[in-house]
Amino acid sequence: MPSLKALKNRIASVKSTRKITKAMQMVAAAKLRRAQEAAEAARPYAERMSAVISGLSAGQAGSASAPRLLAGTGTDKTHLLVVLTSERGLCGGFNSTIVRLARARAQELIGQGRTVKILTVGKKGREQLKRDLSAHFIAHVDMGEVKRLGYDVAAGIARDVLSRYDAGEFDVATLFFNRFQSVMSQVPTAKQVIPALIESTDQASSLYDYEPSEEGILADLLPRGIATHIFTALLENGASEQGARMSAMDNATRNAGEMIDKLTIVYNRSRQAAITKELIEIISGAEAL
């Protein structure tokens, strides 16, 4: 059994850890509110952008003059997986769920004879994927220096992806991220962004005159749409990360409290046993005299 001094030091150490986890939980809760508001505010814009592009794309599907971002390359031999994760840990299973989905997709494509290329955004996802998929890495975006997440960050990633697409490095691009639902629930999501998927709309078909042409509008909107999808995914990830960290730190704080209670019981019992032993020794010595 540990000594009383060791138990006392252990209790003090766990109490210090509990203070840290409690502080991290409060910081995550403060950041979560802003991140959640940003993610929820971006959703209507992204959904409307997708609806506009889908409406314009419906008339261009299968057309020889359709933009390459819509029509694709005519094959799907090479896939680019853009895996969005966090720079920091201590957020429960947030990063692991994204990596698990991306790894399963990569292994499925490799099993089908496809070529897989991986672009990682965030350090934690890269660390987990490099164990078995490092040979497929082509680039990494370090988010450690980003103090405030803005559209310019997503636009930079989109430009890199588009330049690789124009160079013929891949045929299909898919984003992997966590969609925020609540503090306790984040949904791992895979979203194809290249070539653009035409979403079905329930609106009644109408005839419009476009100025400039539909092809010209799509040529301008499709790159913007990719940047918007990436920005929305980054915002969803930001809210999901803070929610997962808040939940993880809450669990850690409660676990530390339970450990302190158990160690305190052991300490009190050990202390009582030591006092009882001393009393017995004193009484035995007195009787011997």
C-alpha atoms as a PDB file:
ATOM      1  CA  MET A   1       0.000   0.000   0.000  1.00  0.00           C
ATOM      2  CA  PRO A   2       1.358   3.497  -0.829  1.00  0.00           C
ATOM      3  CA  SER A   3       2.611   5.641   2.012  1.00  0.00           C
ATOM      4  CA  LEU A   4       0.531   8.470   3.446  1.00  0.00           C
ATOM      5  CA  LYS A   5       2.887  11.038   1.902  1.00  0.00           C
ATOM      6  CA  ALA A   6       2.585   9.424  -1.545  1.00  0.00           C
ATOM      7  CA  LEU A   7      -1.217   9.383  -1.293  1.00  0.00           C
ATOM      8  CA  LYS A   8      -1.266  13.018  -0.186  1.00  0.00           C
ATOM      9  CA  ASN A   9       0.933  14.050  -3.124  1.00  0.00           C
ATOM     10  CA  ARG A  10      -1.230  12.024  -5.499  1.00  0.00           C
ATOM     11  CA  ILE A  11      -4.410  13.737  -4.282  1.00  0.00           C
ATOM     12  CA  ALA A  12      -2.782  17.178  -4.687  1.00  0.00           C
ATOM     13  CA  SER A  13      -1.669  16.260  -8.221  1.00  0.00           C
ATOM     14  CA  VAL A  14      -5.147  15.122  -9.286  1.00  0.00           C
ATOM     15  CA  LYS A  15      -6.680  18.283  -7.793  1.00  0.00           C
ATOM     16  CA  SER A  16      -4.304  20.378  -9.910  1.00  0.00           C
ATOM     17  CA  THR A  17      -5.279  18.375 -12.992  1.00  0.00           C
ATOM     18  CA  ARG A  18      -8.953  18.934 -12.223  1.00  0.00           C
ATOM     19  CA  LYS A  19      -8.395  22.697 -12.088  1.00  0.00           C
ATOM     20  CA  ILE A  20      -6.756  22.573 -15.532  1.00  0.00           C
ATOM     21  CA  THR A  21      -9.517  20.475 -17.127  1.00  0.00           C
ATOM     22  CA  LYS A  22     -12.182  22.712 -15.586  1.00  0.00           C
ATOM     23  CA  ALA A  23     -10.481  25.802 -16.992  1.00  0.00           C
ATOM     24  CA  MET A  24     -10.174  24.190 -20.431  1.00  0.00           C
ATOM     25  CA  GLN A  25     -13.862  23.252 -20.313  1.00  0.00           C
ATOM     26  CA  MET A  26     -14.827  26.867 -19.588  1.00  0.00           C
ATOM     27  CA  VAL A  27     -12.580  28.198 -22.382  1.00  0.00           C
ATOM     28  CA  ALA A  28     -14.050  25.671 -24.845  1.00  0.00           C
ATOM     29  CA  ALA A  29     -17.576  26.671 -23.793  1.00  0.00           C
ATOM     30  CA  ALA A  30     -16.790  30.342 -24.489  1.00  0.00           C
ATOM     31  CA  LYS A  31     -15.252  29.546 -27.898  1.00  0.00           C
ATOM     32  CA  LEU A  32     -18.065  27.133 -28.767  1.00  0.00           C
ATOM     33  CA  ARG A  33     -20.721  29.836 -28.742  1.00  0.00           C
ATOM     34  CA  ARG A  34     -18.889  31.981 -31.304  1.00  0.00           C
ATOM     35  CA  ALA A  35     -17.932  28.975 -33.434  1.00  0.00           C
ATOM     36  CA  GLN A  36     -21.482  27.591 -33.382  1.00  0.00           C
ATOM     37  CA  GLU A  37     -22.961  30.944 -34.397  1.00  0.00           C
ATOM     38  CA  ALA A  38     -20.466  31.222 -37.279  1.00  0.00           C
ATOM     39  CA  ALA A  39     -21.180  27.672 -38.501  1.00  0.00           C
ATOM     40  CA  GLU A  40     -24.957  28.099 -38.339  1.00  0.00           C
ATOM     41  CA  ALA A  41     -24.794  31.505 -40.035  1.00  0.00           C
ATOM     42  CA  ALA A  42     -22.774  30.060 -42.943  1.00  0.00           C
ATOM     43  CA  ARG A  43     -25.184  27.197 -43.653  1.00  0.00           C
ATOM     44  CA  PRO A  44     -27.975  29.206 -45.410  1.00  0.00           C
ATOM     45  CA  TYR A  45     -25.434  30.911 -47.701  1.00  0.00           C
ATOM     46  CA  ALA A  46     -23.766  27.605 -48.611  1.00  0.00           C
ATOM     47  CA  GLU A  47     -27.130  25.920 -49.201  1.00  0.00           C
ATOM     48  CA  ARG A  48     -28.325  28.799 -51.392  1.00  0.00           C
ATOM     49  CA  MET A  49     -25.059  28.802 -53.329  1.00  0.00           C
ATOM     50  CA  SER A  50     -25.459  25.047 -53.962  1.00  0.00           C
ATOM     51  CA  ALA A  51     -29.067  25.556 -55.052  1.00  0.00           C
ATOM     52  CA  VAL A  52     -28.109  28.302 -57.539  1.00  0.00           C
ATOM     53  CA  ILE A  53     -25.267  26.213 -58.978  1.00  0.00           C
ATOM     54  CA  SER A  54     -27.533  23.163 -59.217  1.00  0.00           C
ATOM     55  CA  GLY A  55     -30.184  25.206 -60.997  1.00  0.00           C
ATOM     56  CA  LEU A  56     -27.680  26.503 -63.526  1.00  0.00           C
ATOM     57  CA  SER A  57     -25.979  23.109 -63.887  1.00  0.00           C
ATOM     58  CA  ALA A  58     -29.210  21.258 -64.644  1.00  0.00           C
ATOM     59  CA  GLY A  59     -29.327  22.750 -68.125  1.00  0.00           C
ATOM     60  CA  GLN A  60     -25.626  22.153 -68.730  1.00  0.00           C
ATOM     61  CA  ALA A  61     -25.424  18.512 -67.671  1.00  0.00           C
ATOM     62  CA  GLY A  62     -24.039  16.449 -70.514  1.00  0.00           C
ATOM     63  CA  SER A  63     -23.365  19.518 -72.652  1.00  0.00           C
ATOM     64  CA  ALA A  64     -20.073  19.647 -74.528  1.00  0.00           C
ATOM     65  CA  SER A  65     -19.641  23.284 -73.435  1.00  0.00           C
ATOM     66  CA  ALA A  66     -20.157  22.533 -69.720  1.00  0.00           C
ATOM     67  CA  PRO A  67     -17.332  23.784 -67.456  1.00  0.00           C
ATOM     68  CA  ARG A  68     -14.734  21.171 -66.522  1.00  0.00           C
ATOM     69  CA  LEU A  69     -15.523  21.562 -62.802  1.00  0.00           C
ATOM     70  CA  LEU A  70     -19.060  20.395 -63.593  1.00  0.00           C
ATOM     71  CA  ALA A  71     -18.484  17.857 -66.364  1.00  0.00           C
ATOM     72  CA  GLY A  72     -15.384  16.313 -64.785  1.00  0.00           C
ATOM     73  CA  THR A  73     -12.480  14.763 -66.621  1.00  0.00           C
ATOM     74  CA  GLY A  74     -14.460  11.848 -67.982  1.00  0.00           C
ATOM     75  CA  THR A  75     -12.859   9.372 -65.579  1.00  0.00           C
ATOM     76  CA  ASP A  76     -12.543   8.749 -61.837  1.00  0.00           C
ATOM     77  CA  LYS A  77      -9.207   6.967 -61.643  1.00  0.00           C
ATOM     78  CA  THR A  78      -7.520   9.447 -59.299  1.00  0.00           C
ATOM     79  CA  HIS A  79      -9.180  10.702 -56.111  1.00  0.00           C
ATOM     80  CA  LEU A  80      -8.059  13.584 -53.907  1.00  0.00           C
ATOM     81  CA  LEU A  81      -9.144  13.317 -50.268  1.00  0.00           C
ATOM     82  CA  VAL A  82      -9.045  16.642 -48.399  1.00  0.00           C
ATOM     83  CA  VAL A  83      -9.033  15.703 -44.703  1.00  0.00           C
ATOM     84  CA  LEU A  84      -9.880  18.596 -42.352  1.00  0.00           C
ATOM     85  CA  THR A  85      -8.880  18.073 -38.701  1.00  0.00           C
ATOM     86  CA  SER A  86      -7.656  20.185 -35.775  1.00  0.00           C
ATOM     87  CA  GLU A  87      -4.207  21.422 -34.803  1.00  0.00           C
ATOM     88  CA  ARG A  88      -4.693  20.569 -31.122  1.00  0.00           C
ATOM     89  CA  GLY A  89      -5.736  17.458 -29.272  1.00  0.00           C
ATOM     90  CA  LEU A  90      -7.689  16.932 -26.040  1.00  0.00           C
ATOM     91  CA  CYS A  91     -10.991  16.967 -27.914  1.00  0.00           C
ATOM     92  CA  GLY A  92     -12.210  13.403 -27.453  1.00  0.00           C
ATOM     93  CA  GLY A  93     -12.865  11.435 -30.614  1.00  0.00           C
ATOM     94  CA  PHE A  94     -13.252  14.497 -32.851  1.00  0.00           C
ATOM     95  CA  ASN A  95     -10.176  13.834 -35.017  1.00  0.00           C
ATOM     96  CA  SER A  96     -10.423  10.044 -34.858  1.00  0.00           C
ATOM     97  CA  THR A  97     -13.926   9.950 -36.375  1.00  0.00           C
ATOM     98  CA  ILE A  98     -12.840  12.055 -39.372  1.00  0.00           C
ATOM     99  CA  VAL A  99      -9.677  10.000 -39.878  1.00  0.00           C
ATOM    100  CA  ARG A 100     -11.613   6.749 -39.590  1.00  0.00           C
ATOM    101  CA  LEU A 101     -14.040   7.839 -42.324  1.00  0.00           C
ATOM    102  CA  ALA A 102     -11.226   9.074 -44.596  1.00  0.00           C
ATOM    103  CA  ARG A 103      -9.143   5.931 -44.042  1.00  0.00           C
ATOM    104  CA  ALA A 104     -12.104   3.671 -44.833  1.00  0.00           C
ATOM    105  CA  ARG A 105     -12.779   5.626 -48.036  1.00  0.00           C
ATOM    106  CA  ALA A 106      -9.110   5.531 -49.056  1.00  0.00           C
ATOM    107  CA  GLN A 107      -8.831   1.784 -48.480  1.00  0.00           C
ATOM    108  CA  GLU A 108     -12.054   1.215 -50.404  1.00  0.00           C
ATOM    109  CA  LEU A 109     -10.731   3.186 -53.395  1.00  0.00           C
ATOM    110  CA  ILE A 110      -7.342   1.461 -53.273  1.00  0.00           C
ATOM    111  CA  GLY A 111      -9.135  -1.892 -53.209  1.00  0.00           C
ATOM    112  CA  GLN A 112     -10.960  -0.842 -56.384  1.00  0.00           C
ATOM    113  CA  GLY A 113      -7.683  -0.072 -58.128  1.00  0.00           C
ATOM    114  CA  ARG A 114      -8.051   3.716 -57.909  1.00  0.00           C
ATOM    115  CA  THR A 115      -5.177   6.108 -57.211  1.00  0.00           C
ATOM    116  CA  VAL A 116      -5.592   7.986 -53.910  1.00  0.00           C
ATOM    117  CA  LYS A 117      -3.953  11.304 -53.022  1.00  0.00           C
ATOM    118  CA  ILE A 118      -4.403  12.962 -49.619  1.00  0.00           C
ATOM    119  CA  LEU A 119      -4.232  16.647 -48.716  1.00  0.00           C
ATOM    120  CA  THR A 120      -4.349  17.169 -44.954  1.00  0.00           C
ATOM    121  CA  VAL A 121      -5.508  20.337 -43.209  1.00  0.00           C
ATOM    122  CA  GLY A 122      -4.595  20.279 -39.522  1.00  0.00           C
ATOM    123  CA  LYS A 123      -1.780  18.453 -37.742  1.00  0.00           C
ATOM    124  CA  LYS A 124      -3.739  15.810 -35.844  1.00  0.00           C
ATOM    125  CA  GLY A 125      -5.268  14.150 -38.900  1.00  0.00           C
ATOM    126  CA  ARG A 126      -1.893  13.965 -40.613  1.00  0.00           C
ATOM    127  CA  GLU A 127      -0.319  12.316 -37.554  1.00  0.00           C
ATOM    128  CA  GLN A 128      -2.955   9.579 -37.517  1.00  0.00           C
ATOM    129  CA  LEU A 129      -3.067   8.970 -41.271  1.00  0.00           C
ATOM    130  CA  LYS A 130       0.700   8.797 -41.788  1.00  0.00           C
ATOM    131  CA  ARG A 131       0.864   5.430 -40.017  1.00  0.00           C
ATOM    132  CA  ASP A 132      -0.548   3.566 -42.999  1.00  0.00           C
ATOM    133  CA  LEU A 133      -1.258   6.141 -45.738  1.00  0.00           C
ATOM    134  CA  SER A 134       1.824   8.390 -45.699  1.00  0.00           C
ATOM    135  CA  ALA A 135       2.753   7.253 -49.221  1.00  0.00           C
ATOM    136  CA  HIS A 136      -0.407   8.949 -50.518  1.00  0.00           C
ATOM    137  CA  PHE A 137       0.310  12.396 -48.994  1.00  0.00           C
ATOM    138  CA  ILE A 138       0.792  15.189 -51.528  1.00  0.00           C
ATOM    139  CA  ALA A 139       0.447  18.352 -49.419  1.00  0.00           C
ATOM    140  CA  HIS A 140      -0.330  19.699 -45.953  1.00  0.00           C
ATOM    141  CA  VAL A 141      -1.916  22.954 -44.791  1.00  0.00           C
ATOM    142  CA  ASP A 142      -0.643  24.112 -41.398  1.00  0.00           C
ATOM    143  CA  MET A 143      -3.394  25.877 -39.435  1.00  0.00           C
ATOM    144  CA  GLY A 144      -1.209  26.558 -36.401  1.00  0.00           C
ATOM    145  CA  GLU A 145      -0.497  30.148 -37.441  1.00  0.00           C
ATOM    146  CA  VAL A 146      -4.152  30.945 -38.178  1.00  0.00           C
ATOM    147  CA  LYS A 147      -5.412  33.106 -35.320  1.00  0.00           C
ATOM    148  CA  ARG A 148      -8.840  33.865 -36.770  1.00  0.00           C
ATOM    149  CA  LEU A 149     -10.518  31.630 -39.313  1.00  0.00           C
ATOM    150  CA  GLY A 150     -11.626  33.660 -42.314  1.00  0.00           C
ATOM    151  CA  TYR A 151     -12.750  33.118 -45.882  1.00  0.00           C
ATOM    152  CA  ASP A 152      -9.238  33.898 -47.132  1.00  0.00           C
ATOM    153  CA  VAL A 153      -7.949  30.686 -45.504  1.00  0.00           C
ATOM    154  CA  ALA A 154     -10.547  28.594 -47.358  1.00  0.00           C
ATOM    155  CA  ALA A 155      -9.886  30.507 -50.582  1.00  0.00           C
ATOM    156  CA  GLY A 156      -6.188  29.664 -50.326  1.00  0.00           C
ATOM    157  CA  ILE A 157      -6.932  25.956 -49.915  1.00  0.00           C
ATOM    158  CA  ALA A 158      -9.417  26.129 -52.815  1.00  0.00           C
ATOM    159  CA  ARG A 159      -6.819  27.750 -55.076  1.00  0.00           C
ATOM    160  CA  ASP A 160      -4.358  24.950 -54.294  1.00  0.00           C
ATOM    161  CA  VAL A 161      -6.974  22.269 -55.020  1.00  0.00           C
ATOM    162  CA  LEU A 162      -8.104  23.967 -58.255  1.00  0.00           C
ATOM    163  CA  SER A 163      -4.539  24.408 -59.510  1.00  0.00           C
ATOM    164  CA  ARG A 164      -3.916  20.694 -58.984  1.00  0.00           C
ATOM    165  CA  TYR A 165      -7.167  19.882 -60.795  1.00  0.00           C
ATOM    166  CA  ASP A 166      -6.240  22.117 -63.733  1.00  0.00           C
ATOM    167  CA  ALA A 167      -2.846  20.386 -63.849  1.00  0.00           C
ATOM    168  CA  GLY A 168      -4.603  17.031 -64.177  1.00  0.00           C
ATOM    169  CA  GLU A 169      -3.370  15.647 -60.836  1.00  0.00           C
ATOM    170  CA  PHE A 170      -6.769  14.163 -59.875  1.00  0.00           C
ATOM    171  CA  ASP A 171     -10.275  13.535 -61.189  1.00  0.00           C
ATOM    172  CA  VAL A 172     -12.489  13.628 -58.062  1.00  0.00           C
ATOM    173  CA  ALA A 173     -12.066  15.665 -54.856  1.00  0.00           C
ATOM    174  CA  THR A 174     -13.862  14.928 -51.577  1.00  0.00           C
ATOM    175  CA  LEU A 175     -13.885  16.863 -48.288  1.00  0.00           C
ATOM    176  CA  PHE A 176     -13.857  15.044 -44.941  1.00  0.00           C
ATOM    177  CA  PHE A 177     -14.962  16.946 -41.841  1.00  0.00           C
ATOM    178  CA  ASN A 178     -17.316  16.839 -38.843  1.00  0.00           C
ATOM    179  CA  ARG A 179     -20.704  18.510 -39.165  1.00  0.00           C
ATOM    180  CA  PHE A 180     -21.783  20.138 -35.900  1.00  0.00           C
ATOM    181  CA  GLN A 181     -25.107  19.041 -34.440  1.00  0.00           C
ATOM    182  CA  SER A 182     -24.711  19.578 -30.701  1.00  0.00           C
ATOM    183  CA  VAL A 183     -22.094  19.521 -27.957  1.00  0.00           C
ATOM    184  CA  MET A 184     -22.552  15.769 -27.674  1.00  0.00           C
ATOM    185  CA  SER A 185     -22.986  14.986 -31.363  1.00  0.00           C
ATOM    186  CA  GLN A 186     -20.737  15.697 -34.357  1.00  0.00           C
ATOM    187  CA  VAL A 187     -21.407  13.835 -37.594  1.00  0.00           C
ATOM    188  CA  PRO A 188     -18.427  12.684 -39.747  1.00  0.00           C
ATOM    189  CA  THR A 189     -19.189  13.853 -43.285  1.00  0.00           C
ATOM    190  CA  ALA A 190     -17.726  13.202 -46.736  1.00  0.00           C
ATOM    191  CA  LYS A 191     -18.714  15.769 -49.384  1.00  0.00           C
ATOM    192  CA  GLN A 192     -17.668  15.598 -53.033  1.00  0.00           C
ATOM    193  CA  VAL A 193     -16.807  19.043 -54.396  1.00  0.00           C
ATOM    194  CA  ILE A 194     -15.124  18.202 -57.740  1.00  0.00           C
ATOM    195  CA  PRO A 195     -16.834  17.559 -60.071  1.00  0.00           C
ATOM    196  CA  ALA A 196     -19.807  19.436 -58.664  1.00  0.00           C
ATOM    197  CA  LEU A 197     -22.792  17.286 -57.782  1.00  0.00           C
ATOM    198  CA  ILE A 198     -26.141  18.475 -59.140  1.00  0.00           C
ATOM    199  CA  GLU A 199     -28.664  18.450 -56.315  1.00  0.00           C
ATOM    200  CA  SER A 200     -32.281  17.818 -57.194  1.00  0.00           C
ATOM    201  CA  THR A 201     -34.564  20.798 -56.598  1.00  0.00           C
ATOM    202  CA  ASP A 202     -38.286  20.773 -55.943  1.00  0.00           C
ATOM    203  CA  GLN A 203     -38.817  24.145 -57.551  1.00  0.00           C
ATOM    204  CA  ALA A 204     -40.937  24.296 -60.667  1.00  0.00           C
ATOM    205  CA  SER A 205     -38.835  24.574 -63.786  1.00  0.00           C
ATOM    206  CA  SER A 206     -38.711  28.084 -65.217  1.00  0.00           C
ATOM    207  CA  LEU A 207     -37.062  29.650 -68.227  1.00  0.00           C
ATOM    208  CA  TYR A 208     -34.531  32.398 -67.602  1.00  0.00           C
ATOM    209  CA  ASP A 209     -32.415  34.595 -69.825  1.00  0.00           C
ATOM    210  CA  TYR A 210     -28.863  34.743 -68.482  1.00  0.00           C
ATOM    211  CA  GLU A 211     -26.419  37.579 -68.976  1.00  0.00           C
ATOM    212  CA  PRO A 212     -23.674  36.582 -69.512  1.00  0.00           C
ATOM    213  CA  SER A 213     -24.241  33.004 -70.648  1.00  0.00           C
ATOM    214  CA  GLU A 214     -24.927  30.133 -68.285  1.00  0.00           C
ATOM    215  CA  GLU A 215     -21.448  28.776 -69.045  1.00  0.00           C
ATOM    216  CA  GLY A 216     -19.885  32.109 -68.100  1.00  0.00           C
ATOM    217  CA  ILE A 217     -21.818  32.345 -64.841  1.00  0.00           C
ATOM    218  CA  LEU A 218     -20.967  28.735 -63.926  1.00  0.00           C
ATOM    219  CA  ALA A 219     -17.294  29.279 -64.760  1.00  0.00           C
ATOM    220  CA  ASP A 220     -17.264  32.061 -62.156  1.00  0.00           C
ATOM    221  CA  LEU A 221     -19.550  30.454 -59.563  1.00  0.00           C
ATOM    222  CA  LEU A 222     -18.083  26.935 -59.457  1.00  0.00           C
ATOM    223  CA  PRO A 223     -14.657  27.977 -58.053  1.00  0.00           C
ATOM    224  CA  ARG A 224     -16.434  30.231 -55.556  1.00  0.00           C
ATOM    225  CA  GLY A 225     -18.681  27.312 -54.635  1.00  0.00           C
ATOM    226  CA  ILE A 226     -15.668  25.096 -53.875  1.00  0.00           C
ATOM    227  CA  ALA A 227     -14.149  27.791 -51.648  1.00  0.00           C
ATOM    228  CA  THR A 228     -17.533  28.201 -49.931  1.00  0.00           C
ATOM    229  CA  HIS A 229     -17.787  24.452 -49.292  1.00  0.00           C
ATOM    230  CA  ILE A 230     -14.288  24.421 -47.788  1.00  0.00           C
ATOM    231  CA  PHE A 231     -15.028  27.491 -45.647  1.00  0.00           C
ATOM    232  CA  THR A 232     -18.286  25.963 -44.404  1.00  0.00           C
ATOM    233  CA  ALA A 233     -16.481  22.699 -43.597  1.00  0.00           C
ATOM    234  CA  LEU A 234     -13.813  24.598 -41.634  1.00  0.00           C
ATOM    235  CA  LEU A 235     -16.500  26.448 -39.651  1.00  0.00           C
ATOM    236  CA  GLU A 236     -18.370  23.198 -38.956  1.00  0.00           C
ATOM    237  CA  ASN A 237     -15.085  21.653 -37.831  1.00  0.00           C
ATOM    238  CA  GLY A 238     -14.371  24.606 -35.558  1.00  0.00           C
ATOM    239  CA  ALA A 239     -17.712  24.295 -33.773  1.00  0.00           C
ATOM    240  CA  SER A 240     -17.416  20.499 -33.605  1.00  0.00           C
ATOM    241  CA  GLU A 241     -13.898  20.705 -32.160  1.00  0.00           C
ATOM    242  CA  GLN A 242     -14.920  23.061 -29.352  1.00  0.00           C
ATOM    243  CA  GLY A 243     -18.025  20.997 -28.598  1.00  0.00           C
ATOM    244  CA  ALA A 244     -15.976  17.794 -28.453  1.00  0.00           C
ATOM    245  CA  ARG A 245     -13.308  19.459 -26.283  1.00  0.00           C
ATOM    246  CA  MET A 246     -15.939  20.843 -23.911  1.00  0.00           C
ATOM    247  CA  SER A 247     -17.499  17.395 -23.544  1.00  0.00           C
ATOM    248  CA  ALA A 248     -14.107  15.669 -23.129  1.00  0.00           C
ATOM    249  CA  MET A 249     -12.930  18.141 -20.480  1.00  0.00           C
ATOM    250  CA  ASP A 250     -16.242  17.809 -18.625  1.00  0.00           C
ATOM    251  CA  ASN A 251     -15.762  14.038 -18.511  1.00  0.00           C
ATOM    252  CA  ALA A 252     -12.140  14.479 -17.406  1.00  0.00           C
ATOM    253  CA  THR A 253     -13.180  16.872 -14.629  1.00  0.00           C
ATOM    254  CA  ARG A 254     -15.790  14.442 -13.325  1.00  0.00           C
ATOM    255  CA  ASN A 255     -13.357  11.513 -13.531  1.00  0.00           C
ATOM    256  CA  ALA A 256     -10.767  13.532 -11.584  1.00  0.00           C
ATOM    257  CA  GLY A 257     -13.368  14.256  -8.907  1.00  0.00           C
ATOM    258  CA  GLU A 258     -14.197  10.565  -8.589  1.00  0.00           C
ATOM    259  CA  MET A 259     -10.493   9.687  -8.370  1.00  0.00           C
ATOM    260  CA  ILE A 260      -9.974  12.294  -5.638  1.00  0.00           C
ATOM    261  CA  ASP A 261     -12.855  10.805  -3.634  1.00  0.00           C
ATOM    262  CA  LYS A 262     -11.421   7.274  -3.931  1.00  0.00           C
ATOM    263  CA  LEU A 263      -7.887   8.383  -3.037  1.00  0.00           C
ATOM    264  CA  THR A 264      -9.217  10.372  -0.082  1.00  0.00           C
ATOM    265  CA  ILE A 265     -10.985   7.267   1.246  1.00  0.00           C
ATOM    266  CA  VAL A 266      -7.783   5.210   0.873  1.00  0.00           C
ATOM    267  CA  TYR A 267      -5.778   7.992   2.540  1.00  0.00           C
ATOM    268  CA  ASN A 268      -8.171   8.217   5.500  1.00  0.00           C
ATOM    269  CA  ARG A 269      -8.191   4.438   5.963  1.00  0.00           C
ATOM    270  CA  SER A 270      -4.404   4.272   5.788  1.00  0.00           C
ATOM    271  CA  ARG A 271      -4.108   7.138   8.247  1.00  0.00           C
ATOM    272  CA  GLN A 272      -6.581   5.517  10.625  1.00  0.00           C
ATOM    273  CA  ALA A 273      -4.709   2.206  10.366  1.00  0.00           C
ATOM    274  CA  ALA A 274      -1.417   3.940  11.173  1.00  0.00           C
ATOM    275  CA  ILE A 275      -2.951   5.680  14.216  1.00  0.00           C
ATOM    276  CA  THR A 276      -4.479   2.403  15.417  1.00  0.00           C
ATOM    277  CA  LYS A 277      -1.137   0.638  15.030  1.00  0.00           C
ATOM    278  CA  GLU A 278       0.637   3.327  17.056  1.00  0.00           C
ATOM    279  CA  LEU A 279      -1.991   3.121  19.809  1.00  0.00           C
ATOM    280  CA  ILE A 280      -1.629  -0.658  19.972  1.00  0.00           C
ATOM    281  CA  GLU A 281       2.139  -0.338  20.243  1.00  0.00           C
ATOM    282  CA  ILE A 282       1.835   2.288  23.018  1.00  0.00           C
ATOM    283  CA  ILE A 283      -0.686   0.206  24.967  1.00  0.00           C
ATOM    284  CA  SER A 284       1.399  -2.954  24.560  1.00  0.00           C
ATOM    285  CA  GLY A 285       4.491  -1.135  25.817  1.00  0.00           C
ATOM    286  CA  ALA A 286       2.625   0.262  28.819  1.00  0.00           C
ATOM    287  CA  GLU A 287       1.331  -3.210  29.748  1.00  0.00           C
ATOM    288  CA  ALA A 288       4.837  -4.647  29.487  1.00  0.00           C
ATOM    289  CA  LEU A 289       6.038  -2.113  32.032  1.00  0.00           C
END
